[in-house]
Amino acid sequence: MIPLWWLWRALRSMMLFVDRLVPGSRPPTVHAEVSDTGALRKAPPESASATSVEPRAIEPPSAGEVLDALMARSMYANPAQSRETLHRALIERLVPDEARILAALSDGSVYPVIHVAEPGGAAWAAQNASTVGRAAGVSLPHHTPGYLTRLQSLGVVTMGPEVESMRDEYELLLTDAAVNAALKTARRGLRPPRIVRASVRMSDLGRDLWEAVT
């Protein structure tokens, strides 16, 4: 008859061998020992550090892998899916105040824009100052120039020429504190700053986006 202690030792050796081949595959260890007489007695539990398997850090995909995934998606996406992906990417880039500006432009409205430059030079003291921020009720109206710059870079608004019928709006915009500060900064002695009047409206892409999500 094979001794009980020998069977237990063989089973334990096999479990350790399997655990080395496949880390973490071993079932919970039965904490027991065999005495010299062959009787089983309870052994102290193994420490958590001895049985735990350290999790491996998940490596983020490389730039090449991201590009490959995008190329694969483009092969199987239909026009409707591609359009939805584009719209989602644009919406996720917006901050709340920029969404309000788009809403103000969504009915086809046009708002005045003023750029201030040094006399005879290309250095701008201010760009994209506009009344559209206050008209839209943004929380930070003094950031309207930055909002318009971002919206223009996304392609959802477009800048146009001066609108003659908005002469009063341009005069009102020239009284804005930020515009006044830019006028003083751009002045060179007796030479007045250069004022460029323009306008802003929603672009075709912006209109397509707005109609799709509202």
Protein backbone atom coordinates (compact mmCIF):
# COMPACT_ATOMS: atom_id res chain seq x y z
CA MET A 1 0.00 0.00 0.00
CA ILE A 2 1.35 3.44 -1.00
CA PRO A 3 1.82 5.70 2.04
CA LEU A 4 -0.57 8.63 2.30
CA TRP A 5 2.25 11.10 2.85
CA TRP A 6 3.88 10.05 -0.45
CA LEU A 7 0.62 10.60 -2.40
CA TRP A 8 0.25 14.06 -0.85
CA ARG A 9 3.81 15.04 -1.74
CA ALA A 10 3.36 13.86 -5.35
CA LEU A 11 0.11 15.83 -5.72
CA ARG A 12 1.70 18.97 -4.32
CA SER A 13 4.68 18.69 -6.68
CA MET A 14 2.35 18.33 -9.67
CA MET A 15 0.38 21.43 -8.63
CA LEU A 16 3.56 23.49 -8.34
CA PHE A 17 4.71 22.30 -11.78
CA VAL A 18 1.41 23.30 -13.42
CA ASP A 19 1.50 26.68 -11.68
CA ARG A 20 4.94 27.40 -13.14
CA LEU A 21 3.71 26.55 -16.64
CA VAL A 22 0.53 28.64 -16.38
CA PRO A 23 0.83 31.34 -13.67
CA GLY A 24 -2.35 31.83 -11.72
CA SER A 25 -3.96 28.58 -12.95
CA ARG A 26 -3.45 26.69 -9.71
CA PRO A 27 -6.60 26.37 -7.55
CA PRO A 28 -6.54 27.64 -3.97
CA THR A 29 -3.96 25.74 -1.96
CA VAL A 30 -5.24 23.27 0.61
CA HIS A 31 -3.31 24.23 3.69
CA ALA A 32 -2.42 20.90 5.23
CA GLU A 33 0.67 18.94 6.11
CA VAL A 34 1.37 15.26 6.61
CA SER A 35 2.98 14.11 9.84
CA ASP A 36 5.60 11.42 10.02
CA THR A 37 2.88 8.97 11.02
CA GLY A 38 0.86 9.70 7.85
CA ALA A 39 -1.83 11.77 9.54
CA LEU A 40 -2.97 15.08 8.02
CA ARG A 41 -2.81 18.19 10.13
CA LYS A 42 -3.78 21.78 9.29
CA ALA A 43 -0.90 24.03 8.27
CA PRO A 44 -0.73 27.82 8.53
CA PRO A 45 -2.08 29.60 5.41
CA GLU A 46 0.38 30.87 2.83
CA SER A 47 0.93 34.59 2.73
CA ALA A 48 -0.94 36.57 0.06
CA SER A 49 2.35 37.72 -1.45
CA ALA A 50 3.37 34.12 -2.11
CA THR A 51 0.22 33.16 -4.04
CA SER A 52 -0.82 36.43 -5.68
CA VAL A 53 0.00 37.08 -9.32
CA GLU A 54 1.06 40.62 -10.10
CA PRO A 55 -1.13 42.18 -12.83
CA ARG A 56 0.66 43.13 -15.99
CA ALA A 57 0.59 46.78 -17.02
CA ILE A 58 -1.59 47.33 -20.09
CA GLU A 59 0.45 49.00 -22.79
CA PRO A 60 -1.41 51.74 -24.70
CA PRO A 61 -1.58 51.23 -28.47
CA SER A 62 1.18 52.82 -30.47
CA ALA A 63 0.54 55.63 -32.95
CA GLY A 64 0.98 53.14 -35.79
CA GLU A 65 -1.61 50.79 -34.29
CA VAL A 66 -4.09 53.64 -33.89
CA LEU A 67 -3.56 54.61 -37.54
CA ASP A 68 -4.03 51.00 -38.65
CA ALA A 69 -7.29 50.80 -36.69
CA LEU A 70 -8.55 54.00 -38.30
CA MET A 71 -7.65 52.71 -41.76
CA ALA A 72 -9.46 49.45 -41.07
CA ARG A 73 -12.57 51.30 -39.88
CA SER A 74 -12.55 53.48 -42.99
CA MET A 75 -12.62 50.38 -45.20
CA TYR A 76 -15.86 49.08 -43.72
CA ALA A 77 -17.67 52.28 -42.68
CA ASN A 78 -20.52 53.49 -44.88
CA PRO A 79 -21.14 57.21 -45.55
CA ALA A 80 -23.69 57.49 -42.74
CA GLN A 81 -21.28 56.00 -40.21
CA SER A 82 -18.43 58.23 -41.37
CA ARG A 83 -20.67 61.29 -41.10
CA GLU A 84 -21.69 60.32 -37.57
CA THR A 85 -18.04 59.82 -36.59
CA LEU A 86 -17.13 63.26 -37.95
CA HIS A 87 -20.00 64.96 -36.15
CA ARG A 88 -19.17 63.25 -32.86
CA ALA A 89 -15.52 64.29 -33.14
CA LEU A 90 -16.54 67.92 -33.75
CA ILE A 91 -19.05 68.01 -30.89
CA GLU A 92 -16.53 66.53 -28.45
CA ARG A 93 -14.11 69.36 -29.25
CA LEU A 94 -16.57 72.09 -28.24
CA VAL A 95 -16.86 73.83 -24.89
CA PRO A 96 -20.33 74.96 -23.72
CA ASP A 97 -19.82 78.62 -24.69
CA GLU A 98 -18.83 77.57 -28.20
CA ALA A 99 -21.99 75.50 -28.48
CA ARG A 100 -23.99 78.62 -27.55
CA ILE A 101 -22.26 80.60 -30.29
CA LEU A 102 -23.15 77.90 -32.82
CA ALA A 103 -26.74 78.05 -31.62
CA ALA A 104 -26.79 81.83 -32.16
CA LEU A 105 -25.49 81.36 -35.71
CA SER A 106 -27.72 78.38 -36.53
CA ASP A 107 -30.60 80.52 -37.83
CA GLY A 108 -28.37 82.08 -40.48
CA SER A 109 -27.53 85.20 -38.49
CA VAL A 110 -24.37 87.18 -39.29
CA TYR A 111 -22.41 89.08 -36.63
CA PRO A 112 -19.73 91.78 -36.91
CA VAL A 113 -16.07 90.96 -36.36
CA ILE A 114 -13.18 93.39 -35.89
CA HIS A 115 -9.43 92.80 -36.16
CA VAL A 116 -6.96 95.41 -34.92
CA ALA A 117 -3.43 95.63 -36.37
CA GLU A 118 -0.45 97.92 -36.19
CA PRO A 119 -0.42 100.69 -38.83
CA GLY A 120 1.04 99.42 -42.08
CA GLY A 121 2.05 96.10 -40.55
CA ALA A 122 0.86 92.54 -40.27
CA ALA A 123 1.16 92.26 -36.48
CA TRP A 124 -2.29 91.89 -34.96
CA ALA A 125 -3.14 93.47 -31.62
CA ALA A 126 -6.54 91.76 -31.56
CA GLN A 127 -8.40 89.30 -33.76
CA ASN A 128 -11.96 88.02 -33.94
CA ALA A 129 -13.50 90.54 -31.56
CA SER A 130 -17.25 90.15 -32.04
CA THR A 131 -20.64 90.80 -30.49
CA VAL A 132 -21.76 87.22 -31.12
CA GLY A 133 -20.58 86.08 -27.68
CA ARG A 134 -22.81 88.47 -25.74
CA ALA A 135 -25.67 87.86 -28.15
CA ALA A 136 -25.34 84.12 -27.53
CA GLY A 137 -25.24 84.61 -23.76
CA VAL A 138 -21.85 82.97 -23.20
CA SER A 139 -20.52 82.74 -19.66
CA LEU A 140 -17.14 84.25 -20.58
CA PRO A 141 -17.78 86.96 -23.19
CA HIS A 142 -14.18 88.20 -23.00
CA HIS A 143 -13.12 84.83 -24.45
CA THR A 144 -15.26 85.29 -27.56
CA PRO A 145 -12.21 85.95 -29.81
CA GLY A 146 -10.67 82.66 -28.69
CA TYR A 147 -13.95 80.81 -29.17
CA LEU A 148 -14.25 82.11 -32.72
CA THR A 149 -10.65 81.16 -33.48
CA ARG A 150 -11.29 77.59 -32.33
CA LEU A 151 -14.60 77.33 -34.17
CA GLN A 152 -12.95 78.60 -37.33
CA SER A 153 -10.16 76.03 -37.00
CA LEU A 154 -12.81 73.30 -36.72
CA GLY A 155 -14.42 74.59 -39.90
CA VAL A 156 -17.87 75.13 -38.40
CA VAL A 157 -17.87 78.94 -38.81
CA THR A 158 -16.52 81.08 -41.62
CA MET A 159 -15.32 84.66 -41.78
CA GLY A 160 -16.65 86.99 -44.44
CA PRO A 161 -16.25 90.61 -45.52
CA GLU A 162 -17.65 93.68 -43.82
CA VAL A 163 -21.44 93.96 -43.92
CA GLU A 164 -22.43 97.54 -44.72
CA SER A 165 -25.85 97.20 -43.11
CA MET A 166 -24.24 96.52 -39.71
CA ARG A 167 -22.48 99.88 -39.42
CA ASP A 168 -24.04 100.57 -36.01
CA GLU A 169 -22.95 97.15 -34.71
CA TYR A 170 -19.36 97.86 -35.76
CA GLU A 171 -19.41 101.20 -33.95
CA LEU A 172 -20.75 99.49 -30.84
CA LEU A 173 -18.02 96.85 -31.04
CA LEU A 174 -15.35 99.58 -31.18
CA THR A 175 -16.45 100.70 -27.68
CA ASP A 176 -15.66 97.27 -26.21
CA ALA A 177 -12.99 97.44 -23.49
CA ALA A 178 -10.78 94.75 -25.06
CA VAL A 179 -10.99 96.39 -28.49
CA ASN A 180 -10.12 99.78 -26.98
CA ALA A 181 -7.08 98.27 -25.27
CA ALA A 182 -5.97 96.74 -28.58
CA LEU A 183 -6.41 100.10 -30.35
CA LYS A 184 -4.10 101.75 -27.82
CA THR A 185 -1.54 98.95 -28.08
CA ALA A 186 -1.44 99.04 -31.87
CA ARG A 187 -1.08 102.82 -32.16
CA ARG A 188 2.38 104.02 -33.18
CA GLY A 189 2.79 107.66 -32.22
CA LEU A 190 0.52 109.74 -34.44
CA ARG A 191 -0.19 106.79 -36.69
CA PRO A 192 -3.56 105.24 -35.85
CA PRO A 193 -4.02 101.48 -35.75
CA ARG A 194 -5.43 99.60 -38.70
CA ILE A 195 -9.00 98.39 -38.19
CA VAL A 196 -10.28 95.51 -40.31
CA ARG A 197 -14.03 94.94 -40.30
CA ALA A 198 -15.29 91.46 -41.09
CA SER A 199 -18.23 89.19 -40.28
CA VAL A 200 -18.86 85.68 -39.01
CA ARG A 201 -21.51 83.15 -39.94
CA MET A 202 -22.04 79.40 -39.74
CA SER A 203 -20.24 77.42 -42.44
CA ASP A 204 -21.72 74.64 -44.55
CA LEU A 205 -20.05 72.07 -42.31
CA GLY A 206 -21.42 73.80 -39.22
CA ARG A 207 -24.91 73.81 -40.70
CA ASP A 208 -24.64 70.14 -41.60
CA LEU A 209 -23.49 69.38 -38.06
CA TRP A 210 -26.25 71.42 -36.45
CA GLU A 211 -29.01 69.87 -38.55
CA ALA A 212 -27.74 66.38 -37.78
CA VAL A 213 -27.60 66.74 -34.00
CA THR A 214 -30.64 68.93 -33.30
